Amino acid sequence: MLKKRNIKKLPEAVIISDSKAVQKVYNKILFSNGFNPLVFDSIQKAFEAVTRSKPELVITELFLDEISGLELSKEIRKFYSVDEVPIIVSTRQKDFIDKTFKKKCFQSGVNDIVKFPITSMP
C-alpha cells in the first residue's frame, strides 16, 4: 500500500508582465522565497486568476499594454483589501518615482514600489 505524502502547497504569487526577462527574474526570486509563481502576460487572464483564487502577493509592472499597473491595482482592490493581498508595482523608470508618484500609487491600492532590475523582494 502506498503512503500519501504530505505535499505542502506553496503560497501563490501572481506576476504580471509582458516581458519574458522580467517574468523570469520574478519567477526565480519568488520561487526561491517559497512562493509558487503564477506568471501572466495577459492582464485579463491574470485578473481572472486573482479573482478566482486569492493569491498571497501580486507583482505587476507599472506600464502594461492594456492598462496601467495602477488601474489594475484599483480593480483588484474591489475584491481584496490592502491587508489581504499585497500589490507591488515594478518599474524600470528610476527617476520616475517621487513623492507625488508614490502617493498616487498608494491611493490606487499599491502596497510597495520596486525598481527593476532587483535581486531580492522588499
PDB file of N, CA and C in Angstrom:
ATOM      1  N   MET A   1       0.842  -1.172   0.000  1.00  0.00           N
ATOM      2  CA  MET A   1       0.000   0.000   0.000  1.00  0.00           C
ATOM      3  C   MET A   1       0.893   1.243   0.000  1.00  0.00           C
ATOM      4  N   LEU A   2       0.573   2.195  -0.848  1.00  0.00           N
ATOM      5  CA  LEU A   2       1.347   3.422  -0.937  1.00  0.00           C
ATOM      6  C   LEU A   2       0.902   4.405   0.134  1.00  0.00           C
ATOM      7  N   LYS A   3       1.869   5.048   0.739  1.00  0.00           N
ATOM      8  CA  LYS A   3       1.554   6.086   1.720  1.00  0.00           C
ATOM      9  C   LYS A   3       1.346   7.412   0.993  1.00  0.00           C
ATOM     10  N   LYS A   4       0.387   8.161   1.489  1.00  0.00           N
ATOM     11  CA  LYS A   4       0.186   9.501   0.936  1.00  0.00           C
ATOM     12  C   LYS A   4       1.267  10.415   1.474  1.00  0.00           C
ATOM     13  N   ARG A   5       1.819  11.184   0.590  1.00  0.00           N
ATOM     14  CA  ARG A   5       2.824  12.155   1.001  1.00  0.00           C
ATOM     15  C   ARG A   5       2.139  13.447   1.421  1.00  0.00           C
ATOM     16  N   ASN A   6       2.689  14.061   2.406  1.00  0.00           N
ATOM     17  CA  ASN A   6       2.216  15.382   2.802  1.00  0.00           C
ATOM     18  C   ASN A   6       2.948  16.402   1.942  1.00  0.00           C
ATOM     19  N   ILE A   7       2.311  16.828   0.887  1.00  0.00           N
ATOM     20  CA  ILE A   7       2.930  17.802  -0.006  1.00  0.00           C
ATOM     21  C   ILE A   7       2.413  19.175   0.392  1.00  0.00           C
ATOM     22  N   LYS A   8       3.331  19.999   0.807  1.00  0.00           N
ATOM     23  CA  LYS A   8       2.968  21.340   1.239  1.00  0.00           C
ATOM     24  C   LYS A   8       2.692  22.214   0.011  1.00  0.00           C
ATOM     25  N   LYS A   9       1.532  22.840   0.025  1.00  0.00           N
ATOM     26  CA  LYS A   9       1.175  23.740  -1.055  1.00  0.00           C
ATOM     27  C   LYS A   9       1.844  25.091  -0.805  1.00  0.00           C
ATOM     28  N   LEU A  10       2.590  25.538  -1.777  1.00  0.00           N
ATOM     29  CA  LEU A  10       3.267  26.827  -1.657  1.00  0.00           C
ATOM     30  C   LEU A  10       2.268  27.962  -1.850  1.00  0.00           C
ATOM     31  N   PRO A  11       2.454  29.064  -1.128  1.00  0.00           N
ATOM     32  CA  PRO A  11       1.586  30.228  -1.348  1.00  0.00           C
ATOM     33  C   PRO A  11       1.789  30.766  -2.768  1.00  0.00           C
ATOM     34  N   GLU A  12       0.703  31.186  -3.391  1.00  0.00           N
ATOM     35  CA  GLU A  12       0.775  31.641  -4.771  1.00  0.00           C
ATOM     36  C   GLU A  12       1.047  33.140  -4.858  1.00  0.00           C
ATOM     37  N   ALA A  13       1.882  33.483  -5.820  1.00  0.00           N
ATOM     38  CA  ALA A  13       2.183  34.878  -6.123  1.00  0.00           C
ATOM     39  C   ALA A  13       1.951  35.091  -7.615  1.00  0.00           C
ATOM     40  N   VAL A  14       1.184  36.094  -7.963  1.00  0.00           N
ATOM     41  CA  VAL A  14       0.869  36.395  -9.357  1.00  0.00           C
ATOM     42  C   VAL A  14       1.852  37.436  -9.874  1.00  0.00           C
ATOM     43  N   ILE A  15       2.437  37.146 -11.023  1.00  0.00           N
ATOM     44  CA  ILE A  15       3.356  38.056 -11.704  1.00  0.00           C
ATOM     45  C   ILE A  15       2.703  38.470 -13.014  1.00  0.00           C
ATOM     46  N   ILE A  16       2.620  39.787 -13.255  1.00  0.00           N
ATOM     47  CA  ILE A  16       2.012  40.275 -14.486  1.00  0.00           C
ATOM     48  C   ILE A  16       3.022  41.160 -15.202  1.00  0.00           C
ATOM     49  N   SER A  17       3.490  40.662 -16.347  1.00  0.00           N
ATOM     50  CA  SER A  17       4.475  41.397 -17.122  1.00  0.00           C
ATOM     51  C   SER A  17       4.426  40.912 -18.561  1.00  0.00           C
ATOM     52  N   ASP A  18       4.616  41.824 -19.498  1.00  0.00           N
ATOM     53  CA  ASP A  18       4.683  41.412 -20.894  1.00  0.00           C
ATOM     54  C   ASP A  18       6.120  41.145 -21.333  1.00  0.00           C
ATOM     55  N   SER A  19       7.052  41.254 -20.419  1.00  0.00           N
ATOM     56  CA  SER A  19       8.465  40.999 -20.696  1.00  0.00           C
ATOM     57  C   SER A  19       8.879  39.625 -20.159  1.00  0.00           C
ATOM     58  N   LYS A  20       9.342  38.765 -21.041  1.00  0.00           N
ATOM     59  CA  LYS A  20       9.793  37.427 -20.628  1.00  0.00           C
ATOM     60  C   LYS A  20      10.966  37.526 -19.659  1.00  0.00           C
ATOM     61  N   ALA A  21      11.848  38.499 -19.857  1.00  0.00           N
ATOM     62  CA  ALA A  21      13.007  38.668 -18.963  1.00  0.00           C
ATOM     63  C   ALA A  21      12.548  39.034 -17.551  1.00  0.00           C
ATOM     64  N   VAL A  22      11.595  39.951 -17.440  1.00  0.00           N
ATOM     65  CA  VAL A  22      11.062  40.355 -16.139  1.00  0.00           C
ATOM     66  C   VAL A  22      10.352  39.174 -15.490  1.00  0.00           C
ATOM     67  N   GLN A  23       9.558  38.458 -16.260  1.00  0.00           N
ATOM     68  CA  GLN A  23       8.861  37.282 -15.740  1.00  0.00           C
ATOM     69  C   GLN A  23       9.856  36.276 -15.155  1.00  0.00           C
ATOM     70  N   LYS A  24      10.922  36.041 -15.887  1.00  0.00           N
ATOM     71  CA  LYS A  24      11.932  35.060 -15.463  1.00  0.00           C
ATOM     72  C   LYS A  24      12.593  35.476 -14.146  1.00  0.00           C
ATOM     73  N   VAL A  25      12.944  36.753 -14.018  1.00  0.00           N
ATOM     74  CA  VAL A  25      13.584  37.250 -12.798  1.00  0.00           C
ATOM     75  C   VAL A  25      12.648  37.100 -11.604  1.00  0.00           C
ATOM     76  N   TYR A  26      11.410  37.585 -11.733  1.00  0.00           N
ATOM     77  CA  TYR A  26      10.473  37.485 -10.615  1.00  0.00           C
ATOM     78  C   TYR A  26      10.123  36.034 -10.291  1.00  0.00           C
ATOM     79  N   ASN A  27       9.995  35.214 -11.311  1.00  0.00           N
ATOM     80  CA  ASN A  27       9.710  33.800 -11.101  1.00  0.00           C
ATOM     81  C   ASN A  27      10.807  33.163 -10.236  1.00  0.00           C
ATOM     82  N   LYS A  28      12.042  33.428 -10.572  1.00  0.00           N
ATOM     83  CA  LYS A  28      13.182  32.867  -9.833  1.00  0.00           C
ATOM     84  C   LYS A  28      13.215  33.386  -8.389  1.00  0.00           C
ATOM     85  N   ILE A  29      13.052  34.691  -8.218  1.00  0.00           N
ATOM     86  CA  ILE A  29      13.094  35.292  -6.876  1.00  0.00           C
ATOM     87  C   ILE A  29      11.961  34.756  -6.006  1.00  0.00           C
ATOM     88  N   LEU A  30      10.764  34.722  -6.553  1.00  0.00           N
ATOM     89  CA  LEU A  30       9.615  34.272  -5.764  1.00  0.00           C
ATOM     90  C   LEU A  30       9.706  32.794  -5.414  1.00  0.00           C
ATOM     91  N   PHE A  31      10.110  31.975  -6.374  1.00  0.00           N
ATOM     92  CA  PHE A  31      10.236  30.546  -6.089  1.00  0.00           C
ATOM     93  C   PHE A  31      11.286  30.291  -5.011  1.00  0.00           C
ATOM     94  N   SER A  32      12.403  30.995  -5.110  1.00  0.00           N
ATOM     95  CA  SER A  32      13.468  30.804  -4.106  1.00  0.00           C
ATOM     96  C   SER A  32      13.072  31.337  -2.728  1.00  0.00           C
ATOM     97  N   ASN A  33      12.003  32.146  -2.675  1.00  0.00           N
ATOM     98  CA  ASN A  33      11.494  32.652  -1.397  1.00  0.00           C
ATOM     99  C   ASN A  33      10.236  31.918  -0.938  1.00  0.00           C
ATOM    100  N   GLY A  34      10.004  30.735  -1.497  1.00  0.00           N
ATOM    101  CA  GLY A  34       8.921  29.890  -1.022  1.00  0.00           C
ATOM    102  C   GLY A  34       7.555  30.113  -1.626  1.00  0.00           C
ATOM    103  N   PHE A  35       7.488  30.769  -2.767  1.00  0.00           N
ATOM    104  CA  PHE A  35       6.213  31.006  -3.444  1.00  0.00           C
ATOM    105  C   PHE A  35       6.069  30.115  -4.671  1.00  0.00           C
ATOM    106  N   ASN A  36       4.827  29.881  -5.047  1.00  0.00           N
ATOM    107  CA  ASN A  36       4.513  29.249  -6.314  1.00  0.00           C
ATOM    108  C   ASN A  36       4.144  30.387  -7.269  1.00  0.00           C
ATOM    109  N   PRO A  37       5.062  30.809  -8.133  1.00  0.00           N
ATOM    110  CA  PRO A  37       4.781  31.930  -9.026  1.00  0.00           C
ATOM    111  C   PRO A  37       3.824  31.543 -10.149  1.00  0.00           C
ATOM    112  N   LEU A  38       2.798  32.352 -10.334  1.00  0.00           N
ATOM    113  CA  LEU A  38       1.867  32.204 -11.447  1.00  0.00           C
ATOM    114  C   LEU A  38       2.136  33.376 -12.379  1.00  0.00           C
ATOM    115  N   VAL A  39       2.681  33.094 -13.553  1.00  0.00           N
ATOM    116  CA  VAL A  39       3.162  34.134 -14.454  1.00  0.00           C
ATOM    117  C   VAL A  39       2.153  34.378 -15.577  1.00  0.00           C
ATOM    118  N   PHE A  40       1.843  35.666 -15.797  1.00  0.00           N
ATOM    119  CA  PHE A  40       0.877  36.047 -16.830  1.00  0.00           C
ATOM    120  C   PHE A  40       1.428  37.199 -17.664  1.00  0.00           C
ATOM    121  N   ASP A  41       1.184  37.134 -18.978  1.00  0.00           N
ATOM    122  CA  ASP A  41       1.442  38.300 -19.823  1.00  0.00           C
ATOM    123  C   ASP A  41       0.125  38.916 -20.279  1.00  0.00           C
ATOM    124  N   SER A  42      -0.973  38.243 -19.970  1.00  0.00           N
ATOM    125  CA  SER A  42      -2.310  38.744 -20.269  1.00  0.00           C
ATOM    126  C   SER A  42      -2.943  39.287 -18.984  1.00  0.00           C
ATOM    127  N   ILE A  43      -3.326  40.546 -19.016  1.00  0.00           N
ATOM    128  CA  ILE A  43      -3.961  41.162 -17.849  1.00  0.00           C
ATOM    129  C   ILE A  43      -5.292  40.484 -17.559  1.00  0.00           C
ATOM    130  N   GLN A  44      -6.038  40.174 -18.586  1.00  0.00           N
ATOM    131  CA  GLN A  44      -7.346  39.536 -18.398  1.00  0.00           C
ATOM    132  C   GLN A  44      -7.199  38.191 -17.690  1.00  0.00           C
ATOM    133  N   LYS A  45      -6.266  37.361 -18.142  1.00  0.00           N
ATOM    134  CA  LYS A  45      -6.067  36.050 -17.515  1.00  0.00           C
ATOM    135  C   LYS A  45      -5.555  36.193 -16.085  1.00  0.00           C
ATOM    136  N   ALA A  46      -4.685  37.156 -15.867  1.00  0.00           N
ATOM    137  CA  ALA A  46      -4.168  37.394 -14.518  1.00  0.00           C
ATOM    138  C   ALA A  46      -5.293  37.835 -13.590  1.00  0.00           C
ATOM    139  N   PHE A  47      -6.118  38.757 -14.056  1.00  0.00           N
ATOM    140  CA  PHE A  47      -7.221  39.265 -13.245  1.00  0.00           C
ATOM    141  C   PHE A  47      -8.203  38.142 -12.907  1.00  0.00           C
ATOM    142  N   GLU A  48      -8.497  37.295 -13.881  1.00  0.00           N
ATOM    143  CA  GLU A  48      -9.381  36.147 -13.639  1.00  0.00           C
ATOM    144  C   GLU A  48      -8.792  35.220 -12.586  1.00  0.00           C
ATOM    145  N   ALA A  49      -7.490  34.979 -12.667  1.00  0.00           N
ATOM    146  CA  ALA A  49      -6.830  34.109 -11.684  1.00  0.00           C
ATOM    147  C   ALA A  49      -6.867  34.724 -10.293  1.00  0.00           C
ATOM    148  N   VAL A  50      -6.632  36.023 -10.209  1.00  0.00           N
ATOM    149  CA  VAL A  50      -6.628  36.722  -8.914  1.00  0.00           C
ATOM    150  C   VAL A  50      -8.013  36.702  -8.277  1.00  0.00           C
ATOM    151  N   THR A  51      -9.037  36.908  -9.084  1.00  0.00           N
ATOM    152  CA  THR A  51     -10.390  36.947  -8.526  1.00  0.00           C
ATOM    153  C   THR A  51     -10.950  35.548  -8.253  1.00  0.00           C
ATOM    154  N   ARG A  52     -10.430  34.553  -8.929  1.00  0.00           N
ATOM    155  CA  ARG A  52     -10.887  33.170  -8.728  1.00  0.00           C
ATOM    156  C   ARG A  52     -10.303  32.571  -7.454  1.00  0.00           C
ATOM    157  N   SER A  53      -9.041  32.874  -7.177  1.00  0.00           N
ATOM    158  CA  SER A  53      -8.356  32.303  -6.017  1.00  0.00           C
ATOM    159  C   SER A  53      -7.399  33.351  -5.451  1.00  0.00           C
ATOM    160  N   LYS A  54      -7.598  33.712  -4.200  1.00  0.00           N
ATOM    161  CA  LYS A  54      -6.815  34.790  -3.585  1.00  0.00           C
ATOM    162  C   LYS A  54      -5.330  34.412  -3.487  1.00  0.00           C
ATOM    163  N   PRO A  55      -4.462  35.172  -4.173  1.00  0.00           N
ATOM    164  CA  PRO A  55      -3.025  34.924  -4.044  1.00  0.00           C
ATOM    165  C   PRO A  55      -2.473  35.581  -2.780  1.00  0.00           C
ATOM    166  N   GLU A  56      -1.281  35.224  -2.414  1.00  0.00           N
ATOM    167  CA  GLU A  56      -0.609  35.843  -1.274  1.00  0.00           C
ATOM    168  C   GLU A  56       0.037  37.172  -1.661  1.00  0.00           C
ATOM    169  N   LEU A  57       0.282  37.348  -2.968  1.00  0.00           N
ATOM    170  CA  LEU A  57       1.024  38.509  -3.448  1.00  0.00           C
ATOM    171  C   LEU A  57       0.745  38.705  -4.933  1.00  0.00           C
ATOM    172  N   VAL A  58       0.708  39.979  -5.357  1.00  0.00           N
ATOM    173  CA  VAL A  58       0.610  40.314  -6.779  1.00  0.00           C
ATOM    174  C   VAL A  58       1.748  41.279  -7.102  1.00  0.00           C
ATOM    175  N   ILE A  59       2.481  40.962  -8.169  1.00  0.00           N
ATOM    176  CA  ILE A  59       3.511  41.876  -8.680  1.00  0.00           C
ATOM    177  C   ILE A  59       3.125  42.216 -10.111  1.00  0.00           C
ATOM    178  N   THR A  60       3.004  43.491 -10.395  1.00  0.00           N
ATOM    179  CA  THR A  60       2.651  43.932 -11.739  1.00  0.00           C
ATOM    180  C   THR A  60       3.590  45.041 -12.184  1.00  0.00           C
ATOM    181  N   GLU A  61       3.857  45.067 -13.456  1.00  0.00           N
ATOM    182  CA  GLU A  61       4.637  46.180 -13.988  1.00  0.00           C
ATOM    183  C   GLU A  61       3.754  47.420 -14.011  1.00  0.00           C
ATOM    184  N   LEU A  62       4.390  48.553 -13.903  1.00  0.00           N
ATOM    185  CA  LEU A  62       3.650  49.814 -13.937  1.00  0.00           C
ATOM    186  C   LEU A  62       3.019  50.030 -15.310  1.00  0.00           C
ATOM    187  N   PHE A  63       3.813  49.818 -16.350  1.00  0.00           N
ATOM    188  CA  PHE A  63       3.329  50.040 -17.710  1.00  0.00           C
ATOM    189  C   PHE A  63       3.051  48.711 -18.382  1.00  0.00           C
ATOM    190  N   LEU A  64       1.772  48.452 -18.621  1.00  0.00           N
ATOM    191  CA  LEU A  64       1.332  47.249 -19.315  1.00  0.00           C
ATOM    192  C   LEU A  64       0.666  47.661 -20.619  1.00  0.00           C
ATOM    193  N   ASP A  65       0.486  46.708 -21.522  1.00  0.00           N
ATOM    194  CA  ASP A  65      -0.093  47.037 -22.833  1.00  0.00           C
ATOM    195  C   ASP A  65      -1.524  47.551 -22.747  1.00  0.00           C
ATOM    196  N   GLU A  66      -2.356  46.878 -21.956  1.00  0.00           N
ATOM    197  CA  GLU A  66      -3.777  47.187 -21.965  1.00  0.00           C
ATOM    198  C   GLU A  66      -4.181  48.278 -20.969  1.00  0.00           C
ATOM    199  N   ILE A  67      -3.696  48.182 -19.729  1.00  0.00           N
ATOM    200  CA  ILE A  67      -3.961  49.196 -18.707  1.00  0.00           C
ATOM    201  C   ILE A  67      -2.706  49.342 -17.859  1.00  0.00           C
ATOM    202  N   SER A  68      -2.679  50.356 -17.033  1.00  0.00           N
ATOM    203  CA  SER A  68      -1.506  50.541 -16.174  1.00  0.00           C
ATOM    204  C   SER A  68      -1.600  49.641 -14.948  1.00  0.00           C
ATOM    205  N   GLY A  69      -0.482  49.420 -14.321  1.00  0.00           N
ATOM    206  CA  GLY A  69      -0.462  48.654 -13.083  1.00  0.00           C
ATOM    207  C   GLY A  69      -1.298  49.317 -12.001  1.00  0.00           C
ATOM    208  N   LEU A  70      -1.405  50.638 -12.035  1.00  0.00           N
ATOM    209  CA  LEU A  70      -2.218  51.358 -11.056  1.00  0.00           C
ATOM    210  C   LEU A  70      -3.702  51.105 -11.285  1.00  0.00           C
ATOM    211  N   GLU A  71      -4.119  51.106 -12.543  1.00  0.00           N
ATOM    212  CA  GLU A  71      -5.522  50.804 -12.849  1.00  0.00           C
ATOM    213  C   GLU A  71      -5.853  49.367 -12.459  1.00  0.00           C
ATOM    214  N   LEU A  72      -4.938  48.455 -12.726  1.00  0.00           N
ATOM    215  CA  LEU A  72      -5.134  47.060 -12.345  1.00  0.00           C
ATOM    216  C   LEU A  72      -5.249  46.929 -10.831  1.00  0.00           C
ATOM    217  N   SER A  73      -4.424  47.661 -10.096  1.00  0.00           N
ATOM    218  CA  SER A  73      -4.481  47.637  -8.632  1.00  0.00           C
ATOM    219  C   SER A  73      -5.844  48.085  -8.125  1.00  0.00           C
ATOM    220  N   LYS A  74      -6.383  49.145  -8.715  1.00  0.00           N
ATOM    221  CA  LYS A  74      -7.711  49.633  -8.318  1.00  0.00           C
ATOM    222  C   LYS A  74      -8.763  48.549  -8.526  1.00  0.00           C
ATOM    223  N   GLU A  75      -8.662  47.815  -9.623  1.00  0.00           N
ATOM    224  CA  GLU A  75      -9.627  46.751  -9.910  1.00  0.00           C
ATOM    225  C   GLU A  75      -9.481  45.593  -8.917  1.00  0.00           C
ATOM    226  N   ILE A  76      -8.269  45.225  -8.590  1.00  0.00           N
ATOM    227  CA  ILE A  76      -8.032  44.145  -7.625  1.00  0.00           C
ATOM    228  C   ILE A  76      -8.557  44.550  -6.254  1.00  0.00           C
ATOM    229  N   ARG A  77      -8.426  45.820  -5.910  1.00  0.00           N
ATOM    230  CA  ARG A  77      -8.887  46.303  -4.601  1.00  0.00           C
ATOM    231  C   ARG A  77     -10.402  46.226  -4.442  1.00  0.00           C
ATOM    232  N   LYS A  78     -11.129  46.055  -5.516  1.00  0.00           N
ATOM    233  CA  LYS A  78     -12.577  45.847  -5.422  1.00  0.00           C
ATOM    234  C   LYS A  78     -12.884  44.475  -4.831  1.00  0.00           C
ATOM    235  N   PHE A  79     -11.883  43.576  -4.855  1.00  0.00           N
ATOM    236  CA  PHE A  79     -12.049  42.216  -4.350  1.00  0.00           C
ATOM    237  C   PHE A  79     -11.292  41.963  -3.050  1.00  0.00           C
ATOM    238  N   TYR A  80     -10.115  42.564  -2.916  1.00  0.00           N
ATOM    239  CA  TYR A  80      -9.247  42.318  -1.758  1.00  0.00           C
ATOM    240  C   TYR A  80      -8.697  43.635  -1.217  1.00  0.00           C
ATOM    241  N   SER A  81      -8.630  43.724   0.095  1.00  0.00           N
ATOM    242  CA  SER A  81      -8.092  44.927   0.732  1.00  0.00           C
ATOM    243  C   SER A  81      -6.565  44.937   0.640  1.00  0.00           C
ATOM    244  N   VAL A  82      -5.995  46.058   1.037  1.00  0.00           N
ATOM    245  CA  VAL A  82      -4.541  46.224   1.070  1.00  0.00           C
ATOM    246  C   VAL A  82      -3.898  45.196   2.005  1.00  0.00           C
ATOM    247  N   ASP A  83      -4.600  44.859   3.072  1.00  0.00           N
ATOM    248  CA  ASP A  83      -4.081  43.882   4.034  1.00  0.00           C
ATOM    249  C   ASP A  83      -4.234  42.440   3.554  1.00  0.00           C
ATOM    250  N   GLU A  84      -5.239  42.173   2.735  1.00  0.00           N
ATOM    251  CA  GLU A  84      -5.491  40.801   2.284  1.00  0.00           C
ATOM    252  C   GLU A  84      -4.507  40.333   1.216  1.00  0.00           C
ATOM    253  N   VAL A  85      -4.250  41.175   0.227  1.00  0.00           N
ATOM    254  CA  VAL A  85      -3.355  40.821  -0.877  1.00  0.00           C
ATOM    255  C   VAL A  85      -2.439  42.009  -1.176  1.00  0.00           C
ATOM    256  N   PRO A  86      -1.174  41.894  -0.809  1.00  0.00           N
ATOM    257  CA  PRO A  86      -0.230  42.964  -1.153  1.00  0.00           C
ATOM    258  C   PRO A  86      -0.010  43.041  -2.667  1.00  0.00           C
ATOM    259  N   ILE A  87       0.046  44.268  -3.160  1.00  0.00           N
ATOM    260  CA  ILE A  87       0.336  44.506  -4.574  1.00  0.00           C
ATOM    261  C   ILE A  87       1.618  45.322  -4.654  1.00  0.00           C
ATOM    262  N   ILE A  88       2.569  44.817  -5.426  1.00  0.00           N
ATOM    263  CA  ILE A  88       3.831  45.511  -5.658  1.00  0.00           C
ATOM    264  C   ILE A  88       3.876  45.917  -7.127  1.00  0.00           C
ATOM    265  N   VAL A  89       4.158  47.179  -7.369  1.00  0.00           N
ATOM    266  CA  VAL A  89       4.312  47.681  -8.734  1.00  0.00           C
ATOM    267  C   VAL A  89       5.799  47.778  -9.031  1.00  0.00           C
ATOM    268  N   SER A  90       6.162  47.273 -10.190  1.00  0.00           N
ATOM    269  CA  SER A  90       7.552  47.274 -10.633  1.00  0.00           C
ATOM    270  C   SER A  90       7.706  48.244 -11.794  1.00  0.00           C
ATOM    271  N   THR A  91       8.776  49.017 -11.768  1.00  0.00           N
ATOM    272  CA  THR A  91       9.038  49.940 -12.866  1.00  0.00           C
ATOM    273  C   THR A  91      10.528  49.995 -13.157  1.00  0.00           C
ATOM    274  N   ARG A  92      10.856  50.274 -14.393  1.00  0.00           N
ATOM    275  CA  ARG A  92      12.261  50.461 -14.793  1.00  0.00           C
ATOM    276  C   ARG A  92      12.629  51.943 -14.796  1.00  0.00           C
ATOM    277  N   GLN A  93      11.638  52.788 -14.521  1.00  0.00           N
ATOM    278  CA  GLN A  93      11.827  54.231 -14.534  1.00  0.00           C
ATOM    279  C   GLN A  93      12.376  54.708 -13.195  1.00  0.00           C
ATOM    280  N   LYS A  94      13.681  54.723 -13.031  1.00  0.00           N
ATOM    281  CA  LYS A  94      14.304  55.057 -11.745  1.00  0.00           C
ATOM    282  C   LYS A  94      14.025  56.491 -11.309  1.00  0.00           C
ATOM    283  N   ASP A  95      14.062  57.417 -12.235  1.00  0.00           N
ATOM    284  CA  ASP A  95      13.855  58.822 -11.871  1.00  0.00           C
ATOM    285  C   ASP A  95      12.373  59.189 -11.830  1.00  0.00           C
ATOM    286  N   PHE A  96      11.507  58.262 -12.113  1.00  0.00           N
ATOM    287  CA  PHE A  96      10.071  58.480 -12.182  1.00  0.00           C
ATOM    288  C   PHE A  96       9.420  58.455 -10.791  1.00  0.00           C
ATOM    289  N   ILE A  97      10.088  57.813  -9.847  1.00  0.00           N
ATOM    290  CA  ILE A  97       9.499  57.609  -8.524  1.00  0.00           C
ATOM    291  C   ILE A  97       9.817  58.795  -7.616  1.00  0.00           C
ATOM    292  N   ASP A  98       8.818  59.649  -7.405  1.00  0.00           N
ATOM    293  CA  ASP A  98       8.946  60.765  -6.474  1.00  0.00           C
ATOM    294  C   ASP A  98       7.774  60.703  -5.499  1.00  0.00           C
ATOM    295  N   LYS A  99       7.670  61.677  -4.604  1.00  0.00           N
ATOM    296  CA  LYS A  99       6.609  61.660  -3.590  1.00  0.00           C
ATOM    297  C   LYS A  99       5.217  61.691  -4.213  1.00  0.00           C
ATOM    298  N   THR A 100       5.043  62.471  -5.266  1.00  0.00           N
ATOM    299  CA  THR A 100       3.742  62.567  -5.928  1.00  0.00           C
ATOM    300  C   THR A 100       3.349  61.228  -6.542  1.00  0.00           C
ATOM    301  N   PHE A 101       4.310  60.586  -7.193  1.00  0.00           N
ATOM    302  CA  PHE A 101       4.038  59.289  -7.806  1.00  0.00           C
ATOM    303  C   PHE A 101       3.726  58.236  -6.743  1.00  0.00           C
ATOM    304  N   LYS A 102       4.499  58.237  -5.667  1.00  0.00           N
ATOM    305  CA  LYS A 102       4.261  57.274  -4.589  1.00  0.00           C
ATOM    306  C   LYS A 102       2.861  57.462  -3.996  1.00  0.00           C
ATOM    307  N   LYS A 103       2.462  58.706  -3.803  1.00  0.00           N
ATOM    308  CA  LYS A 103       1.130  58.998  -3.260  1.00  0.00           C
ATOM    309  C   LYS A 103       0.046  58.456  -4.200  1.00  0.00           C
ATOM    310  N   LYS A 104       0.232  58.660  -5.497  1.00  0.00           N
ATOM    311  CA  LYS A 104      -0.715  58.166  -6.490  1.00  0.00           C
ATOM    312  C   LYS A 104      -0.787  56.632  -6.442  1.00  0.00           C
ATOM    313  N   CYS A 105       0.347  55.987  -6.275  1.00  0.00           N
ATOM    314  CA  CYS A 105       0.389  54.520  -6.187  1.00  0.00           C
ATOM    315  C   CYS A 105      -0.389  54.031  -4.970  1.00  0.00           C
ATOM    316  N   PHE A 106      -0.117  54.626  -3.831  1.00  0.00           N
ATOM    317  CA  PHE A 106      -0.772  54.188  -2.599  1.00  0.00           C
ATOM    318  C   PHE A 106      -2.279  54.463  -2.647  1.00  0.00           C
ATOM    319  N   GLN A 107      -2.677  55.554  -3.284  1.00  0.00           N
ATOM    320  CA  GLN A 107      -4.101  55.848  -3.452  1.00  0.00           C
ATOM    321  C   GLN A 107      -4.781  54.838  -4.382  1.00  0.00           C
ATOM    322  N   SER A 108      -3.989  54.208  -5.240  1.00  0.00           N
ATOM    323  CA  SER A 108      -4.514  53.192  -6.157  1.00  0.00           C
ATOM    324  C   SER A 108      -4.560  51.808  -5.525  1.00  0.00           C
ATOM    325  N   GLY A 109      -4.065  51.699  -4.297  1.00  0.00           N
ATOM    326  CA  GLY A 109      -4.103  50.407  -3.612  1.00  0.00           C
ATOM    327  C   GLY A 109      -2.814  49.625  -3.667  1.00  0.00           C
ATOM    328  N   VAL A 110      -1.755  50.252  -4.125  1.00  0.00           N
ATOM    329  CA  VAL A 110      -0.449  49.596  -4.199  1.00  0.00           C
ATOM    330  C   VAL A 110       0.193  49.598  -2.810  1.00  0.00           C
ATOM    331  N   ASN A 111       0.800  48.470  -2.431  1.00  0.00           N
ATOM    332  CA  ASN A 111       1.482  48.378  -1.140  1.00  0.00           C
ATOM    333  C   ASN A 111       2.926  48.855  -1.209  1.00  0.00           C
ATOM    334  N   ASP A 112       3.590  48.605  -2.350  1.00  0.00           N
ATOM    335  CA  ASP A 112       5.002  48.970  -2.461  1.00  0.00           C
ATOM    336  C   ASP A 112       5.373  49.133  -3.929  1.00  0.00           C
ATOM    337  N   ILE A 113       6.497  49.816  -4.154  1.00  0.00           N
ATOM    338  CA  ILE A 113       7.024  50.056  -5.492  1.00  0.00           C
ATOM    339  C   ILE A 113       8.470  49.588  -5.491  1.00  0.00           C
ATOM    340  N   VAL A 114       8.854  48.837  -6.519  1.00  0.00           N
ATOM    341  CA  VAL A 114      10.249  48.421  -6.643  1.00  0.00           C
ATOM    342  C   VAL A 114      10.771  48.854  -7.996  1.00  0.00           C
ATOM    343  N   LYS A 115      12.052  49.148  -8.018  1.00  0.00           N
ATOM    344  CA  LYS A 115      12.714  49.494  -9.270  1.00  0.00           C
ATOM    345  C   LYS A 115      13.327  48.222  -9.843  1.00  0.00           C
ATOM    346  N   PHE A 116      13.091  47.986 -11.106  1.00  0.00           N
ATOM    347  CA  PHE A 116      13.660  46.827 -11.770  1.00  0.00           C
ATOM    348  C   PHE A 116      14.934  47.257 -12.482  1.00  0.00           C
ATOM    349  N   PRO A 117      15.990  46.501 -12.509  1.00  0.00           N
ATOM    350  CA  PRO A 117      16.101  45.135 -12.002  1.00  0.00           C
ATOM    351  C   PRO A 117      16.358  45.091 -10.504  1.00  0.00           C
ATOM    352  N   ILE A 118      15.898  44.002  -9.904  1.00  0.00           N
ATOM    353  CA  ILE A 118      16.091  43.793  -8.484  1.00  0.00           C
ATOM    354  C   ILE A 118      16.742  42.438  -8.259  1.00  0.00           C
ATOM    355  N   THR A 119      17.244  42.249  -7.058  1.00  0.00           N
ATOM    356  CA  THR A 119      17.846  40.951  -6.731  1.00  0.00           C
ATOM    357  C   THR A 119      17.131  40.270  -5.577  1.00  0.00           C
ATOM    358  N   SER A 120      16.282  41.018  -4.847  1.00  0.00           N
ATOM    359  CA  SER A 120      15.502  40.419  -3.762  1.00  0.00           C
ATOM    360  C   SER A 120      14.233  41.221  -3.563  1.00  0.00           C
ATOM    361  N   MET A 121      13.279  40.614  -2.887  1.00  0.00           N
ATOM    362  CA  MET A 121      11.998  41.265  -2.651  1.00  0.00           C
ATOM    363  C   MET A 121      12.075  42.112  -1.390  1.00  0.00           C
ATOM    364  N   PRO A 122      11.222  43.200  -1.339  1.00  0.00           N
ATOM    365  CA  PRO A 122      11.232  44.062  -0.144  1.00  0.00           C
ATOM    366  C   PRO A 122      10.671  43.346   1.071  1.00  0.00           C
TER     367      PRO A 122
END
